[in-house]
Amino acid sequence: MSERDDPETEALHVLRKILEEATDMGADAVELELEENGLEVCYMFGHTGLGNILLDHKQGQYIIEFIVEKAKLDKSSCGKMHMNFHKGQHPIVVEEYENFGESAFRLILDKPERQRVYH
């Protein structure tokens, strides 16, 4: 089995792609919730979200398990993790919350500092 065939490695690749897309779109956060038919992914812009469902439930499960482990959410509902994407390591604040009786996760992206120009 090649590394690409490993479901956990593939799930990590998908999470990295989700975070890259969120950053490219200028999203503030990504909300993830494991649903019966797959992983619900919602890119958040302030209080507005743009969502999609990844149809692979097992892959979604691997992604959630990875986040819980990396952000150390076993004893807390808030944590921090680092992910490599866009040629760098990025800090991500992770909040776990309840949504209609199910666990959901908000991954808050670190925004680059705004450049100020003084004349």
PDB file of N, CA and C in Angstrom:
ATOM      1  N   MET A   1       0.839  -1.175   0.000  1.00  0.00           N
ATOM      2  CA  MET A   1       0.000   0.000   0.000  1.00  0.00           C
ATOM      3  C   MET A   1       0.883   1.238   0.000  1.00  0.00           C
ATOM      4  N   SER A   2       0.683   2.115  -0.960  1.00  0.00           N
ATOM      5  CA  SER A   2       1.467   3.340  -1.009  1.00  0.00           C
ATOM      6  C   SER A   2       0.924   4.341  -0.001  1.00  0.00           C
ATOM      7  N   GLU A   3       1.730   5.360   0.285  1.00  0.00           N
ATOM      8  CA  GLU A   3       1.311   6.388   1.247  1.00  0.00           C
ATOM      9  C   GLU A   3       0.027   7.063   0.788  1.00  0.00           C
ATOM     10  N   ARG A   4      -0.130   7.228  -0.520  1.00  0.00           N
ATOM     11  CA  ARG A   4      -1.303   7.894  -1.080  1.00  0.00           C
ATOM     12  C   ARG A   4      -2.560   7.045  -0.886  1.00  0.00           C
ATOM     13  N   ASP A   5      -2.379   5.698  -0.783  1.00  0.00           N
ATOM     14  CA  ASP A   5      -3.510   4.802  -0.593  1.00  0.00           C
ATOM     15  C   ASP A   5      -3.950   4.731   0.861  1.00  0.00           C
ATOM     16  N   ASP A   6      -3.122   5.182   1.768  1.00  0.00           N
ATOM     17  CA  ASP A   6      -3.440   5.149   3.189  1.00  0.00           C
ATOM     18  C   ASP A   6      -4.583   6.130   3.464  1.00  0.00           C
ATOM     19  N   PRO A   7      -5.723   5.662   4.007  1.00  0.00           N
ATOM     20  CA  PRO A   7      -6.875   6.551   4.207  1.00  0.00           C
ATOM     21  C   PRO A   7      -6.597   7.719   5.161  1.00  0.00           C
ATOM     22  N   GLU A   8      -5.777   7.496   6.170  1.00  0.00           N
ATOM     23  CA  GLU A   8      -5.468   8.580   7.105  1.00  0.00           C
ATOM     24  C   GLU A   8      -4.610   9.647   6.435  1.00  0.00           C
ATOM     25  N   THR A   9      -3.665   9.227   5.609  1.00  0.00           N
ATOM     26  CA  THR A   9      -2.823  10.178   4.878  1.00  0.00           C
ATOM     27  C   THR A   9      -3.669  10.967   3.883  1.00  0.00           C
ATOM     28  N   GLU A  10      -4.566  10.283   3.208  1.00  0.00           N
ATOM     29  CA  GLU A  10      -5.451  10.949   2.248  1.00  0.00           C
ATOM     30  C   GLU A  10      -6.357  11.952   2.964  1.00  0.00           C
ATOM     31  N   ALA A  11      -6.851  11.602   4.144  1.00  0.00           N
ATOM     32  CA  ALA A  11      -7.704  12.510   4.915  1.00  0.00           C
ATOM     33  C   ALA A  11      -6.934  13.768   5.318  1.00  0.00           C
ATOM     34  N   LEU A  12      -5.679  13.608   5.708  1.00  0.00           N
ATOM     35  CA  LEU A  12      -4.837  14.750   6.057  1.00  0.00           C
ATOM     36  C   LEU A  12      -4.625  15.642   4.840  1.00  0.00           C
ATOM     37  N   HIS A  13      -4.445  15.039   3.678  1.00  0.00           N
ATOM     38  CA  HIS A  13      -4.312  15.790   2.432  1.00  0.00           C
ATOM     39  C   HIS A  13      -5.586  16.599   2.157  1.00  0.00           C
ATOM     40  N   VAL A  14      -6.744  15.994   2.391  1.00  0.00           N
ATOM     41  CA  VAL A  14      -8.028  16.688   2.178  1.00  0.00           C
ATOM     42  C   VAL A  14      -8.167  17.848   3.157  1.00  0.00           C
ATOM     43  N   LEU A  15      -7.804  17.649   4.423  1.00  0.00           N
ATOM     44  CA  LEU A  15      -7.870  18.733   5.408  1.00  0.00           C
ATOM     45  C   LEU A  15      -6.950  19.881   4.994  1.00  0.00           C
ATOM     46  N   ARG A  16      -5.760  19.560   4.553  1.00  0.00           N
ATOM     47  CA  ARG A  16      -4.821  20.591   4.098  1.00  0.00           C
ATOM     48  C   ARG A  16      -5.437  21.379   2.930  1.00  0.00           C
ATOM     49  N   LYS A  17      -6.077  20.674   2.008  1.00  0.00           N
ATOM     50  CA  LYS A  17      -6.713  21.326   0.863  1.00  0.00           C
ATOM     51  C   LYS A  17      -7.868  22.232   1.309  1.00  0.00           C
ATOM     52  N   ILE A  18      -8.648  21.782   2.288  1.00  0.00           N
ATOM     53  CA  ILE A  18      -9.740  22.598   2.836  1.00  0.00           C
ATOM     54  C   ILE A  18      -9.180  23.893   3.416  1.00  0.00           C
ATOM     55  N   LEU A  19      -8.101  23.794   4.183  1.00  0.00           N
ATOM     56  CA  LEU A  19      -7.499  24.978   4.801  1.00  0.00           C
ATOM     57  C   LEU A  19      -6.884  25.908   3.760  1.00  0.00           C
ATOM     58  N   GLU A  20      -6.283  25.344   2.726  1.00  0.00           N
ATOM     59  CA  GLU A  20      -5.739  26.177   1.644  1.00  0.00           C
ATOM     60  C   GLU A  20      -6.853  26.932   0.927  1.00  0.00           C
ATOM     61  N   GLU A  21      -7.955  26.238   0.634  1.00  0.00           N
ATOM     62  CA  GLU A  21      -9.089  26.892  -0.027  1.00  0.00           C
ATOM     63  C   GLU A  21      -9.665  28.001   0.851  1.00  0.00           C
ATOM     64  N   ALA A  22      -9.774  27.742   2.145  1.00  0.00           N
ATOM     65  CA  ALA A  22     -10.299  28.748   3.070  1.00  0.00           C
ATOM     66  C   ALA A  22      -9.417  29.989   3.077  1.00  0.00           C
ATOM     67  N   THR A  23      -8.120  29.776   3.125  1.00  0.00           N
ATOM     68  CA  THR A  23      -7.171  30.891   3.118  1.00  0.00           C
ATOM     69  C   THR A  23      -7.248  31.662   1.808  1.00  0.00           C
ATOM     70  N   ASP A  24      -7.303  30.933   0.687  1.00  0.00           N
ATOM     71  CA  ASP A  24      -7.387  31.577  -0.631  1.00  0.00           C
ATOM     72  C   ASP A  24      -8.653  32.417  -0.768  1.00  0.00           C
ATOM     73  N   MET A  25      -9.752  31.958  -0.164  1.00  0.00           N
ATOM     74  CA  MET A  25     -11.026  32.681  -0.248  1.00  0.00           C
ATOM     75  C   MET A  25     -11.107  33.836   0.747  1.00  0.00           C
ATOM     76  N   GLY A  26     -10.171  33.894   1.699  1.00  0.00           N
ATOM     77  CA  GLY A  26     -10.200  34.939   2.715  1.00  0.00           C
ATOM     78  C   GLY A  26     -11.141  34.633   3.866  1.00  0.00           C
ATOM     79  N   ALA A  27     -11.446  33.347   4.084  1.00  0.00           N
ATOM     80  CA  ALA A  27     -12.345  32.954   5.170  1.00  0.00           C
ATOM     81  C   ALA A  27     -11.697  33.216   6.530  1.00  0.00           C
ATOM     82  N   ASP A  28     -12.539  33.511   7.506  1.00  0.00           N
ATOM     83  CA  ASP A  28     -12.077  33.703   8.874  1.00  0.00           C
ATOM     84  C   ASP A  28     -11.910  32.367   9.593  1.00  0.00           C
ATOM     85  N   ALA A  29     -12.765  31.408   9.221  1.00  0.00           N
ATOM     86  CA  ALA A  29     -12.782  30.117   9.904  1.00  0.00           C
ATOM     87  C   ALA A  29     -13.393  29.066   8.988  1.00  0.00           C
ATOM     88  N   VAL A  30     -13.216  27.821   9.399  1.00  0.00           N
ATOM     89  CA  VAL A  30     -13.854  26.685   8.737  1.00  0.00           C
ATOM     90  C   VAL A  30     -14.591  25.923   9.825  1.00  0.00           C
ATOM     91  N   GLU A  31     -15.856  25.606   9.577  1.00  0.00           N
ATOM     92  CA  GLU A  31     -16.618  24.801  10.517  1.00  0.00           C
ATOM     93  C   GLU A  31     -16.821  23.425   9.915  1.00  0.00           C
ATOM     94  N   LEU A  32     -16.580  22.390  10.724  1.00  0.00           N
ATOM     95  CA  LEU A  32     -16.681  21.005  10.275  1.00  0.00           C
ATOM     96  C   LEU A  32     -17.639  20.253  11.182  1.00  0.00           C
ATOM     97  N   GLU A  33     -18.497  19.447  10.567  1.00  0.00           N
ATOM     98  CA  GLU A  33     -19.396  18.599  11.337  1.00  0.00           C
ATOM     99  C   GLU A  33     -19.593  17.293  10.578  1.00  0.00           C
ATOM    100  N   LEU A  34     -19.401  16.203  11.286  1.00  0.00           N
ATOM    101  CA  LEU A  34     -19.573  14.889  10.688  1.00  0.00           C
ATOM    102  C   LEU A  34     -21.062  14.569  10.637  1.00  0.00           C
ATOM    103  N   GLU A  35     -21.574  14.400   9.444  1.00  0.00           N
ATOM    104  CA  GLU A  35     -22.988  14.093   9.217  1.00  0.00           C
ATOM    105  C   GLU A  35     -23.111  12.638   8.777  1.00  0.00           C
ATOM    106  N   GLU A  36     -24.333  12.171   8.710  1.00  0.00           N
ATOM    107  CA  GLU A  36     -24.607  10.796   8.293  1.00  0.00           C
ATOM    108  C   GLU A  36     -24.055  10.495   6.893  1.00  0.00           C
ATOM    109  N   ASN A  37     -24.152  11.479   5.998  1.00  0.00           N
ATOM    110  CA  ASN A  37     -23.737  11.258   4.610  1.00  0.00           C
ATOM    111  C   ASN A  37     -22.354  11.820   4.282  1.00  0.00           C
ATOM    112  N   GLY A  38     -21.609  12.306   5.259  1.00  0.00           N
ATOM    113  CA  GLY A  38     -20.263  12.809   5.003  1.00  0.00           C
ATOM    114  C   GLY A  38     -19.871  13.924   5.956  1.00  0.00           C
ATOM    115  N   LEU A  39     -18.816  14.615   5.624  1.00  0.00           N
ATOM    116  CA  LEU A  39     -18.314  15.719   6.440  1.00  0.00           C
ATOM    117  C   LEU A  39     -18.831  17.035   5.876  1.00  0.00           C
ATOM    118  N   GLU A  40     -19.555  17.770   6.701  1.00  0.00           N
ATOM    119  CA  GLU A  40     -20.036  19.085   6.287  1.00  0.00           C
ATOM    120  C   GLU A  40     -18.916  20.093   6.518  1.00  0.00           C
ATOM    121  N   VAL A  41     -18.575  20.826   5.486  1.00  0.00           N
ATOM    122  CA  VAL A  41     -17.515  21.832   5.536  1.00  0.00           C
ATOM    123  C   VAL A  41     -18.148  23.176   5.234  1.00  0.00           C
ATOM    124  N   CYS A  42     -17.981  24.136   6.132  1.00  0.00           N
ATOM    125  CA  CYS A  42     -18.554  25.466   5.928  1.00  0.00           C
ATOM    126  C   CYS A  42     -17.447  26.505   6.102  1.00  0.00           C
ATOM    127  N   TYR A  43     -17.202  27.285   5.057  1.00  0.00           N
ATOM    128  CA  TYR A  43     -16.213  28.359   5.105  1.00  0.00           C
ATOM    129  C   TYR A  43     -16.914  29.594   5.643  1.00  0.00           C
ATOM    130  N   MET A  44     -16.404  30.157   6.724  1.00  0.00           N
ATOM    131  CA  MET A  44     -17.063  31.272   7.406  1.00  0.00           C
ATOM    132  C   MET A  44     -16.381  32.605   7.083  1.00  0.00           C
ATOM    133  N   PHE A  45     -17.218  33.575   6.756  1.00  0.00           N
ATOM    134  CA  PHE A  45     -16.796  34.952   6.485  1.00  0.00           C
ATOM    135  C   PHE A  45     -17.615  35.825   7.428  1.00  0.00           C
ATOM    136  N   GLY A  46     -17.070  36.113   8.606  1.00  0.00           N
ATOM    137  CA  GLY A  46     -17.866  36.793   9.621  1.00  0.00           C
ATOM    138  C   GLY A  46     -18.968  35.842  10.069  1.00  0.00           C
ATOM    139  N   HIS A  47     -20.226  36.284   9.952  1.00  0.00           N
ATOM    140  CA  HIS A  47     -21.361  35.453  10.353  1.00  0.00           C
ATOM    141  C   HIS A  47     -21.998  34.744   9.165  1.00  0.00           C
ATOM    142  N   THR A  48     -21.382  34.810   8.010  1.00  0.00           N
ATOM    143  CA  THR A  48     -21.921  34.195   6.802  1.00  0.00           C
ATOM    144  C   THR A  48     -21.064  32.989   6.427  1.00  0.00           C
ATOM    145  N   GLY A  49     -21.719  31.914   6.020  1.00  0.00           N
ATOM    146  CA  GLY A  49     -20.986  30.710   5.665  1.00  0.00           C
ATOM    147  C   GLY A  49     -21.333  30.200   4.280  1.00  0.00           C
ATOM    148  N   LEU A  50     -20.371  29.551   3.669  1.00  0.00           N
ATOM    149  CA  LEU A  50     -20.537  28.910   2.375  1.00  0.00           C
ATOM    150  C   LEU A  50     -20.146  27.453   2.578  1.00  0.00           C
ATOM    151  N   GLY A  51     -21.120  26.533   2.391  1.00  0.00           N
ATOM    152  CA  GLY A  51     -20.871  25.153   2.770  1.00  0.00           C
ATOM    153  C   GLY A  51     -20.880  24.152   1.640  1.00  0.00           C
ATOM    154  N   ASN A  52     -20.400  22.954   1.996  1.00  0.00           N
ATOM    155  CA  ASN A  52     -20.314  21.843   1.072  1.00  0.00           C
ATOM    156  C   ASN A  52     -20.257  20.571   1.913  1.00  0.00           C
ATOM    157  N   ILE A  53     -20.584  19.437   1.321  1.00  0.00           N
ATOM    158  CA  ILE A  53     -20.466  18.167   2.032  1.00  0.00           C
ATOM    159  C   ILE A  53     -19.509  17.264   1.266  1.00  0.00           C
ATOM    160  N   LEU A  54     -18.488  16.777   1.981  1.00  0.00           N
ATOM    161  CA  LEU A  54     -17.597  15.765   1.415  1.00  0.00           C
ATOM    162  C   LEU A  54     -18.297  14.426   1.598  1.00  0.00           C
ATOM    163  N   LEU A  55     -18.452  13.679   0.553  1.00  0.00           N
ATOM    164  CA  LEU A  55     -19.289  12.493   0.585  1.00  0.00           C
ATOM    165  C   LEU A  55     -18.643  11.258   1.195  1.00  0.00           C
ATOM    166  N   ASP A  56     -17.427  11.345   1.643  1.00  0.00           N
ATOM    167  CA  ASP A  56     -16.753  10.190   2.230  1.00  0.00           C
ATOM    168  C   ASP A  56     -16.808  10.297   3.760  1.00  0.00           C
ATOM    169  N   HIS A  57     -17.732   9.557   4.378  1.00  0.00           N
ATOM    170  CA  HIS A  57     -17.931   9.622   5.829  1.00  0.00           C
ATOM    171  C   HIS A  57     -16.692   9.155   6.585  1.00  0.00           C
ATOM    172  N   LYS A  58     -16.071   8.077   6.135  1.00  0.00           N
ATOM    173  CA  LYS A  58     -14.889   7.532   6.813  1.00  0.00           C
ATOM    174  C   LYS A  58     -13.737   8.534   6.783  1.00  0.00           C
ATOM    175  N   GLN A  59     -13.539   9.191   5.646  1.00  0.00           N
ATOM    176  CA  GLN A  59     -12.493  10.198   5.531  1.00  0.00           C
ATOM    177  C   GLN A  59     -12.778  11.361   6.491  1.00  0.00           C
ATOM    178  N   GLY A  60     -14.035  11.753   6.577  1.00  0.00           N
ATOM    179  CA  GLY A  60     -14.431  12.801   7.517  1.00  0.00           C
ATOM    180  C   GLY A  60     -14.135  12.410   8.948  1.00  0.00           C
ATOM    181  N   GLN A  61     -14.350  11.138   9.260  1.00  0.00           N
ATOM    182  CA  GLN A  61     -14.068  10.638  10.601  1.00  0.00           C
ATOM    183  C   GLN A  61     -12.573  10.740  10.906  1.00  0.00           C
ATOM    184  N   TYR A  62     -11.737  10.377   9.946  1.00  0.00           N
ATOM    185  CA  TYR A  62     -10.284  10.505  10.125  1.00  0.00           C
ATOM    186  C   TYR A  62      -9.880  11.960  10.339  1.00  0.00           C
ATOM    187  N   ILE A  63     -10.496  12.871   9.594  1.00  0.00           N
ATOM    188  CA  ILE A  63     -10.179  14.300   9.731  1.00  0.00           C
ATOM    189  C   ILE A  63     -10.537  14.789  11.132  1.00  0.00           C
ATOM    190  N   ILE A  64     -11.719  14.444  11.612  1.00  0.00           N
ATOM    191  CA  ILE A  64     -12.148  14.867  12.956  1.00  0.00           C
ATOM    192  C   ILE A  64     -11.228  14.273  14.012  1.00  0.00           C
ATOM    193  N   GLU A  65     -10.899  12.995  13.898  1.00  0.00           N
ATOM    194  CA  GLU A  65     -10.003  12.353  14.874  1.00  0.00           C
ATOM    195  C   GLU A  65      -8.633  13.034  14.884  1.00  0.00           C
ATOM    196  N   PHE A  66      -8.125  13.391  13.719  1.00  0.00           N
ATOM    197  CA  PHE A  66      -6.844  14.090  13.618  1.00  0.00           C
ATOM    198  C   PHE A  66      -6.914  15.437  14.342  1.00  0.00           C
ATOM    199  N   ILE A  67      -7.980  16.195  14.100  1.00  0.00           N
ATOM    200  CA  ILE A  67      -8.143  17.515  14.728  1.00  0.00           C
ATOM    201  C   ILE A  67      -8.224  17.391  16.243  1.00  0.00           C
ATOM    202  N   VAL A  68      -9.028  16.442  16.724  1.00  0.00           N
ATOM    203  CA  VAL A  68      -9.188  16.245  18.175  1.00  0.00           C
ATOM    204  C   VAL A  68      -7.839  15.914  18.814  1.00  0.00           C
ATOM    205  N   GLU A  69      -7.061  15.054  18.160  1.00  0.00           N
ATOM    206  CA  GLU A  69      -5.758  14.678  18.700  1.00  0.00           C
ATOM    207  C   GLU A  69      -4.764  15.842  18.653  1.00  0.00           C
ATOM    208  N   LYS A  70      -4.635  16.500  17.490  1.00  0.00           N
ATOM    209  CA  LYS A  70      -3.647  17.577  17.331  1.00  0.00           C
ATOM    210  C   LYS A  70      -3.950  18.790  18.200  1.00  0.00           C
ATOM    211  N   ALA A  71      -5.237  19.124  18.375  1.00  0.00           N
ATOM    212  CA  ALA A  71      -5.618  20.299  19.165  1.00  0.00           C
ATOM    213  C   ALA A  71      -5.816  19.954  20.638  1.00  0.00           C
ATOM    214  N   LYS A  72      -5.593  18.677  20.981  1.00  0.00           N
ATOM    215  CA  LYS A  72      -5.709  18.206  22.370  1.00  0.00           C
ATOM    216  C   LYS A  72      -7.085  18.534  22.961  1.00  0.00           C
ATOM    217  N   LEU A  73      -8.120  18.105  22.244  1.00  0.00           N
ATOM    218  CA  LEU A  73      -9.492  18.382  22.669  1.00  0.00           C
ATOM    219  C   LEU A  73     -10.085  17.276  23.536  1.00  0.00           C
ATOM    220  N   ASP A  74      -9.263  16.332  23.986  1.00  0.00           N
ATOM    221  CA  ASP A  74      -9.782  15.238  24.801  1.00  0.00           C
ATOM    222  C   ASP A  74     -10.271  15.720  26.170  1.00  0.00           C
ATOM    223  N   LYS A  75      -9.706  16.814  26.696  1.00  0.00           N
ATOM    224  CA  LYS A  75     -10.109  17.316  28.019  1.00  0.00           C
ATOM    225  C   LYS A  75     -10.608  18.756  27.986  1.00  0.00           C
ATOM    226  N   SER A  76     -10.664  19.342  26.814  1.00  0.00           N
ATOM    227  CA  SER A  76     -11.049  20.745  26.690  1.00  0.00           C
ATOM    228  C   SER A  76     -11.821  20.945  25.398  1.00  0.00           C
ATOM    229  N   SER A  77     -12.646  21.969  25.360  1.00  0.00           N
ATOM    230  CA  SER A  77     -13.415  22.243  24.142  1.00  0.00           C
ATOM    231  C   SER A  77     -12.707  23.265  23.246  1.00  0.00           C
ATOM    232  N   CYS A  78     -11.516  23.689  23.661  1.00  0.00           N
ATOM    233  CA  CYS A  78     -10.771  24.655  22.864  1.00  0.00           C
ATOM    234  C   CYS A  78      -9.292  24.273  22.901  1.00  0.00           C
ATOM    235  N   GLY A  79      -8.655  24.363  21.750  1.00  0.00           N
ATOM    236  CA  GLY A  79      -7.242  24.028  21.674  1.00  0.00           C
ATOM    237  C   GLY A  79      -6.593  24.725  20.497  1.00  0.00           C
ATOM    238  N   LYS A  80      -5.343  24.404  20.263  1.00  0.00           N
ATOM    239  CA  LYS A  80      -4.597  25.014  19.172  1.00  0.00           C
ATOM    240  C   LYS A  80      -3.757  23.941  18.505  1.00  0.00           C
ATOM    241  N   MET A  81      -3.646  24.033  17.190  1.00  0.00           N
ATOM    242  CA  MET A  81      -2.800  23.113  16.453  1.00  0.00           C
ATOM    243  C   MET A  81      -2.092  23.888  15.358  1.00  0.00           C
ATOM    244  N   HIS A  82      -1.111  23.274  14.773  1.00  0.00           N
ATOM    245  CA  HIS A  82      -0.382  23.876  13.653  1.00  0.00           C
ATOM    246  C   HIS A  82      -0.499  22.942  12.450  1.00  0.00           C
ATOM    247  N   MET A  83      -0.688  23.538  11.284  1.00  0.00           N
ATOM    248  CA  MET A  83      -0.779  22.757  10.045  1.00  0.00           C
ATOM    249  C   MET A  83       0.144  23.363   9.002  1.00  0.00           C
ATOM    250  N   ASN A  84       0.763  22.506   8.232  1.00  0.00           N
ATOM    251  CA  ASN A  84       1.591  22.952   7.116  1.00  0.00           C
ATOM    252  C   ASN A  84       0.739  23.025   5.858  1.00  0.00           C
ATOM    253  N   PHE A  85       0.615  24.215   5.312  1.00  0.00           N
ATOM    254  CA  PHE A  85      -0.020  24.406   4.013  1.00  0.00           C
ATOM    255  C   PHE A  85       0.429  25.755   3.477  1.00  0.00           C
ATOM    256  N   HIS A  86       0.298  25.948   2.180  1.00  0.00           N
ATOM    257  CA  HIS A  86       0.780  27.161   1.513  1.00  0.00           C
ATOM    258  C   HIS A  86       2.217  27.473   1.896  1.00  0.00           C
ATOM    259  N   LYS A  87       3.060  26.449   1.861  1.00  0.00           N
ATOM    260  CA  LYS A  87       4.505  26.579   2.089  1.00  0.00           C
ATOM    261  C   LYS A  87       4.868  27.188   3.440  1.00  0.00           C
ATOM    262  N   GLY A  88       4.082  26.879   4.452  1.00  0.00           N
ATOM    263  CA  GLY A  88       4.416  27.371   5.776  1.00  0.00           C
ATOM    264  C   GLY A  88       3.583  26.689   6.841  1.00  0.00           C
ATOM    265  N   GLN A  89       3.968  26.889   8.081  1.00  0.00           N
ATOM    266  CA  GLN A  89       3.224  26.325   9.196  1.00  0.00           C
ATOM    267  C   GLN A  89       2.316  27.409   9.756  1.00  0.00           C
ATOM    268  N   HIS A  90       1.033  27.067   9.929  1.00  0.00           N
ATOM    269  CA  HIS A  90       0.040  28.045  10.350  1.00  0.00           C
ATOM    270  C   HIS A  90      -0.633  27.611  11.650  1.00  0.00           C
ATOM    271  N   PRO A  91      -0.736  28.530  12.623  1.00  0.00           N
ATOM    272  CA  PRO A  91      -1.462  28.201  13.852  1.00  0.00           C
ATOM    273  C   PRO A  91      -2.972  28.268  13.589  1.00  0.00           C
ATOM    274  N   ILE A  92      -3.702  27.334  14.174  1.00  0.00           N
ATOM    275  CA  ILE A  92      -5.150  27.285  14.021  1.00  0.00           C
ATOM    276  C   ILE A  92      -5.757  27.055  15.398  1.00  0.00           C
ATOM    277  N   VAL A  93      -6.643  27.934  15.808  1.00  0.00           N
ATOM    278  CA  VAL A  93      -7.389  27.757  17.054  1.00  0.00           C
ATOM    279  C   VAL A  93      -8.592  26.888  16.725  1.00  0.00           C
ATOM    280  N   VAL A  94      -8.811  25.855  17.543  1.00  0.00           N
ATOM    281  CA  VAL A  94      -9.910  24.926  17.304  1.00  0.00           C
ATOM    282  C   VAL A  94     -10.873  24.990  18.478  1.00  0.00           C
ATOM    283  N   GLU A  95     -12.150  25.187  18.169  1.00  0.00           N
ATOM    284  CA  GLU A  95     -13.202  25.186  19.181  1.00  0.00           C
ATOM    285  C   GLU A  95     -14.187  24.071  18.862  1.00  0.00           C
ATOM    286  N   GLU A  96     -14.477  23.248  19.856  1.00  0.00           N
ATOM    287  CA  GLU A  96     -15.496  22.214  19.693  1.00  0.00           C
ATOM    288  C   GLU A  96     -16.772  22.724  20.345  1.00  0.00           C
ATOM    289  N   TYR A  97     -17.886  22.566  19.667  1.00  0.00           N
ATOM    290  CA  TYR A  97     -19.166  23.016  20.212  1.00  0.00           C
ATOM    291  C   TYR A  97     -20.255  22.029  19.822  1.00  0.00           C
ATOM    292  N   GLU A  98     -21.399  22.150  20.464  1.00  0.00           N
ATOM    293  CA  GLU A  98     -22.514  21.265  20.187  1.00  0.00           C
ATOM    294  C   GLU A  98     -23.460  21.916  19.195  1.00  0.00           C
ATOM    295  N   ASN A  99     -23.853  21.155  18.187  1.00  0.00           N
ATOM    296  CA  ASN A  99     -24.794  21.633  17.179  1.00  0.00           C
ATOM    297  C   ASN A  99     -25.895  20.585  17.031  1.00  0.00           C
ATOM    298  N   PHE A 100     -27.053  20.852  17.613  1.00  0.00           N
ATOM    299  CA  PHE A 100     -28.183  19.924  17.589  1.00  0.00           C
ATOM    300  C   PHE A 100     -27.791  18.541  18.113  1.00  0.00           C
ATOM    301  N   GLY A 101     -27.047  18.518  19.210  1.00  0.00           N
ATOM    302  CA  GLY A 101     -26.672  17.272  19.858  1.00  0.00           C
ATOM    303  C   GLY A 101     -25.449  16.592  19.277  1.00  0.00           C
ATOM    304  N   GLU A 102     -24.851  17.166  18.265  1.00  0.00           N
ATOM    305  CA  GLU A 102     -23.662  16.593  17.634  1.00  0.00           C
ATOM    306  C   GLU A 102     -22.468  17.522  17.845  1.00  0.00           C
ATOM    307  N   SER A 103     -21.284  16.939  17.900  1.00  0.00           N
ATOM    308  CA  SER A 103     -20.073  17.757  18.002  1.00  0.00           C
ATOM    309  C   SER A 103     -19.760  18.390  16.649  1.00  0.00           C
ATOM    310  N   ALA A 104     -19.399  19.644  16.701  1.00  0.00           N
ATOM    311  CA  ALA A 104     -18.954  20.374  15.516  1.00  0.00           C
ATOM    312  C   ALA A 104     -17.669  21.096  15.903  1.00  0.00           C
ATOM    313  N   PHE A 105     -16.895  21.478  14.904  1.00  0.00           N
ATOM    314  CA  PHE A 105     -15.579  22.058  15.153  1.00  0.00           C
ATOM    315  C   PHE A 105     -15.401  23.318  14.327  1.00  0.00           C
ATOM    316  N   ARG A 106     -14.922  24.370  14.986  1.00  0.00           N
ATOM    317  CA  ARG A 106     -14.617  25.639  14.311  1.00  0.00           C
ATOM    318  C   ARG A 106     -13.103  25.795  14.312  1.00  0.00           C
ATOM    319  N   LEU A 107     -12.530  25.876  13.134  1.00  0.00           N
ATOM    320  CA  LEU A 107     -11.092  26.070  12.972  1.00  0.00           C
ATOM    321  C   LEU A 107     -10.875  27.527  12.589  1.00  0.00           C
ATOM    322  N   ILE A 108     -10.356  28.302  13.515  1.00  0.00           N
ATOM    323  CA  ILE A 108     -10.170  29.732  13.309  1.00  0.00           C
ATOM    324  C   ILE A 108      -8.782  29.959  12.725  1.00  0.00           C
ATOM    325  N   LEU A 109      -8.775  30.556  11.550  1.00  0.00           N
ATOM    326  CA  LEU A 109      -7.528  30.744  10.812  1.00  0.00           C
ATOM    327  C   LEU A 109      -6.814  32.002  11.262  1.00  0.00           C
ATOM    328  N   ASP A 110      -5.508  31.921  11.293  1.00  0.00           N
ATOM    329  CA  ASP A 110      -4.676  33.061  11.654  1.00  0.00           C
ATOM    330  C   ASP A 110      -4.564  33.970  10.438  1.00  0.00           C
ATOM    331  N   LYS A 111      -5.041  35.181  10.582  1.00  0.00           N
ATOM    332  CA  LYS A 111      -4.967  36.145   9.470  1.00  0.00           C
ATOM    333  C   LYS A 111      -3.600  36.819   9.484  1.00  0.00           C
ATOM    334  N   PRO A 112      -3.021  37.018   8.306  1.00  0.00           N
ATOM    335  CA  PRO A 112      -1.753  37.759   8.273  1.00  0.00           C
ATOM    336  C   PRO A 112      -1.981  39.188   8.744  1.00  0.00           C
ATOM    337  N   GLU A 113      -0.984  39.714   9.418  1.00  0.00           N
ATOM    338  CA  GLU A 113      -1.121  41.084   9.916  1.00  0.00           C
ATOM    339  C   GLU A 113      -1.196  42.056   8.757  1.00  0.00           C
ATOM    340  N   ARG A 114      -2.048  43.026   8.942  1.00  0.00           N
ATOM    341  CA  ARG A 114      -2.257  44.028   7.915  1.00  0.00           C
ATOM    342  C   ARG A 114      -1.058  44.974   7.879  1.00  0.00           C
ATOM    343  N   GLN A 115      -0.638  45.290   6.695  1.00  0.00           N
ATOM    344  CA  GLN A 115       0.471  46.227   6.517  1.00  0.00           C
ATOM    345  C   GLN A 115      -0.066  47.652   6.618  1.00  0.00           C
ATOM    346  N   ARG A 116       0.534  48.450   7.449  1.00  0.00           N
ATOM    347  CA  ARG A 116       0.137  49.847   7.574  1.00  0.00           C
ATOM    348  C   ARG A 116       1.187  50.702   6.883  1.00  0.00           C
ATOM    349  N   VAL A 117       0.700  51.654   6.138  1.00  0.00           N
ATOM    350  CA  VAL A 117       1.591  52.567   5.422  1.00  0.00           C
ATOM    351  C   VAL A 117       1.354  53.961   5.980  1.00  0.00           C
ATOM    352  N   TYR A 118       2.415  54.581   6.421  1.00  0.00           N
ATOM    353  CA  TYR A 118       2.327  55.938   6.949  1.00  0.00           C
ATOM    354  C   TYR A 118       3.084  56.877   6.034  1.00  0.00           C
ATOM    355  N   HIS A 119       2.451  57.976   5.722  1.00  0.00           N
ATOM    356  CA  HIS A 119       3.102  58.965   4.855  1.00  0.00           C
ATOM    357  C   HIS A 119       3.491  60.176   5.635  1.00  0.00           C
TER     358      HIS A 119
END
